[in-house]
Each structure stands twice: as C-alpha cells, then as structure tokens.
Protein backbone atom coordinates (compact mmCIF):
# COMPACT_ATOMS: atom_id res chain seq x y z
CA UNK A 1 54.41 25.29 -7.64
CA UNK A 2 53.05 26.79 -10.81
CA UNK A 3 49.47 27.98 -10.96
CA UNK A 4 47.07 25.36 -12.30
CA UNK A 5 44.81 25.80 -15.29
CA UNK A 6 41.61 27.67 -14.76
CA UNK A 7 39.13 24.81 -14.57
CA UNK A 8 37.12 23.80 -11.50
CA UNK A 9 39.08 20.63 -10.78
CA UNK A 10 42.48 22.36 -10.87
CA UNK A 11 41.15 25.32 -8.91
CA UNK A 12 39.79 23.08 -6.15
CA UNK A 13 42.99 21.01 -5.99
CA UNK A 14 45.04 24.19 -5.52
CA UNK A 15 42.63 25.44 -2.85
CA UNK A 16 42.67 22.11 -0.98
CA UNK A 17 46.46 21.96 -1.01
CA UNK A 18 46.74 25.50 0.36
CA UNK A 19 44.13 24.78 3.07
CA UNK A 20 45.92 21.59 4.14
CA UNK A 21 49.24 23.42 4.39
CA UNK A 22 47.66 26.16 6.50
CA UNK A 23 45.95 23.61 8.75
CA UNK A 24 48.71 21.07 9.30
CA UNK A 25 51.85 23.16 9.01
CA UNK A 26 50.39 26.50 10.07
CA UNK A 27 48.37 25.24 13.02
CA UNK A 28 45.12 26.93 11.96
CA UNK A 29 41.77 25.27 12.55
CA UNK A 30 40.11 24.01 9.35
CA UNK A 31 37.68 26.92 8.98
CA UNK A 32 40.45 29.52 9.25
CA UNK A 33 42.74 27.46 7.00
CA UNK A 34 40.03 27.37 4.32
CA UNK A 35 39.35 31.09 4.65
CA UNK A 36 43.02 31.89 4.17
CA UNK A 37 43.34 29.37 1.35
CA UNK A 38 40.36 30.91 -0.44
CA UNK A 39 41.95 34.36 -0.32
CA UNK A 40 45.28 32.96 -1.51
CA UNK A 41 43.72 30.92 -4.32
CA UNK A 42 41.69 33.86 -5.62
CA UNK A 43 44.79 36.07 -5.51
CA UNK A 44 46.89 33.47 -7.35
CA UNK A 45 44.50 32.20 -10.03
CA UNK A 46 41.23 34.09 -9.72
CA UNK A 47 37.75 33.13 -8.54
CA UNK A 48 36.54 29.57 -8.91
CA UNK A 49 35.46 28.94 -12.50
CA UNK A 50 31.72 29.20 -12.90
CA UNK A 51 31.25 31.61 -10.00
CA UNK A 52 30.76 35.34 -9.92
CA UNK A 53 32.75 37.35 -7.34
C-alpha cells in the first residue's frame, strides 16, 4: 500500500485500516490496536492534518 495524501480523510482511512488489521489479524483489543495504529500512521505519513504534535 502506498501512503495516502496528507489530508484528514486519507489520514483517518489509513489509521482505521491499520487499526482493523491489528485488531482482527493481530488479536489486539481495540484500544491497543488503535494505539499501535496511531504510532504506525504517524511514522508513515506524519501527524493528523490540522493537529499539533
């Protein structure tokens, strides 16, 4: 998968996909899946547009 554009909708879609993979294929509970997905998304494409990190 290539990194999406840097707009909020693309960012959130990437994050949601990564969280779902972690939850359903990785066996993590949703909170942990989202935490991991957040780290992965920020590493891949940067912080969510419109936020300051």
